């Protein structure tokens, strides 16, 4: 489609890019980030043959493959996720 200029403005093919609204952090995340409490999590067993919800939890922790290590904020929600799939993980604070 050809673009035509009428009065200095494009009439066709012009996309407007809007910025998404800024995301606000939850208070628990801010406190954990300020205090510097981190937990290091490593996936030591594979997820094949595990429940779908456990595989989703492992992915939610940011783990992709065996021996992959990530460092996360030490929050109650992260602790709950670690407890749910503790038989697949190794962790240290």
Protein backbone atom coordinates (compact mmCIF):
# COMPACT_ATOMS: atom_id res chain seq x y z
CA UNK A 1 0.00 0.00 0.00
CA UNK A 2 1.45 3.32 -1.00
CA UNK A 3 1.71 6.09 1.54
CA UNK A 4 0.30 9.46 0.66
CA UNK A 5 1.23 12.62 2.41
CA UNK A 6 -1.57 15.05 3.02
CA UNK A 7 -0.65 18.18 4.89
CA UNK A 8 2.62 16.66 6.13
CA UNK A 9 0.93 13.63 7.73
CA UNK A 10 1.02 10.04 6.59
CA UNK A 11 -2.39 8.61 5.82
CA UNK A 12 -1.70 4.88 5.42
CA UNK A 13 0.71 2.40 6.96
CA UNK A 14 1.54 4.52 9.97
CA UNK A 15 1.75 2.65 13.25
CA UNK A 16 1.68 4.49 16.54
CA UNK A 17 3.80 3.00 19.28
CA UNK A 18 2.41 3.44 22.77
CA UNK A 19 4.47 2.86 25.86
CA UNK A 20 3.07 0.27 28.26
CA UNK A 21 2.25 1.59 31.73
CA UNK A 22 5.03 1.35 34.29
CA UNK A 23 4.79 -1.75 36.47
CA UNK A 24 4.90 -1.20 40.19
CA UNK A 25 6.72 -3.71 42.36
CA UNK A 26 4.90 -5.32 45.25
CA UNK A 27 6.06 -4.32 48.75
CA UNK A 28 7.41 -7.81 49.54
CA UNK A 29 9.69 -7.74 46.52
CA UNK A 30 10.97 -4.29 47.42
CA UNK A 31 11.84 -5.39 50.97
CA UNK A 32 13.66 -8.51 49.78
CA UNK A 33 15.58 -6.52 47.19
CA UNK A 34 16.60 -3.89 49.75
CA UNK A 35 17.77 -6.40 52.31
CA UNK A 36 19.76 -8.29 49.69
CA UNK A 37 18.42 -11.69 50.66
CA UNK A 38 18.95 -14.07 47.75
CA UNK A 39 18.56 -17.80 47.30
CA UNK A 40 20.55 -19.77 44.73
CA UNK A 41 18.57 -22.61 43.13
CA UNK A 42 19.92 -25.41 40.89
CA UNK A 43 17.90 -28.00 38.99
CA UNK A 44 19.58 -31.36 39.75
CA UNK A 45 16.97 -33.79 38.39
CA UNK A 46 15.08 -33.74 35.10
CA UNK A 47 11.41 -32.87 34.85
CA UNK A 48 10.44 -35.72 32.50
CA UNK A 49 7.86 -37.90 34.21
CA UNK A 50 6.86 -35.25 36.75
CA UNK A 51 3.48 -33.57 37.11
CA UNK A 52 2.65 -30.75 34.74
CA UNK A 53 2.21 -28.33 37.65
CA UNK A 54 5.69 -29.23 38.92
CA UNK A 55 7.19 -28.61 35.47
CA UNK A 56 5.44 -25.24 35.39
CA UNK A 57 6.83 -24.41 38.84
CA UNK A 58 10.37 -25.24 37.71
CA UNK A 59 9.92 -22.97 34.69
CA UNK A 60 8.47 -20.28 36.97
CA UNK A 61 11.67 -20.39 38.99
CA UNK A 62 13.57 -19.67 35.76
CA UNK A 63 15.21 -23.08 35.49
CA UNK A 64 15.56 -24.52 32.00
CA UNK A 65 17.83 -27.59 32.12
CA UNK A 66 19.68 -29.88 34.51
CA UNK A 67 22.51 -28.10 36.39
CA UNK A 68 21.07 -24.70 35.47
CA UNK A 69 21.46 -22.29 38.41
CA UNK A 70 19.55 -19.08 39.04
CA UNK A 71 19.69 -16.57 41.87
CA UNK A 72 16.28 -15.38 43.10
CA UNK A 73 14.95 -13.02 45.74
CA UNK A 74 14.18 -14.82 48.99
CA UNK A 75 10.44 -14.23 49.27
CA UNK A 76 7.68 -16.44 50.70
CA UNK A 77 6.31 -17.14 47.22
CA UNK A 78 9.71 -18.31 45.96
CA UNK A 79 10.16 -20.43 49.11
CA UNK A 80 6.78 -22.05 48.45
CA UNK A 81 7.77 -22.86 44.88
CA UNK A 82 11.06 -24.36 46.09
CA UNK A 83 9.20 -26.49 48.68
CA UNK A 84 6.79 -27.76 46.04
CA UNK A 85 9.56 -29.16 43.80
CA UNK A 86 12.27 -29.68 46.41
CA UNK A 87 12.92 -33.23 45.18
CA UNK A 88 14.19 -31.77 41.88
CA UNK A 89 16.32 -28.95 43.30
CA UNK A 90 19.36 -28.06 45.32
CA UNK A 91 19.37 -24.62 46.96
CA UNK A 92 21.42 -22.43 49.25
CA UNK A 93 20.82 -19.02 50.82
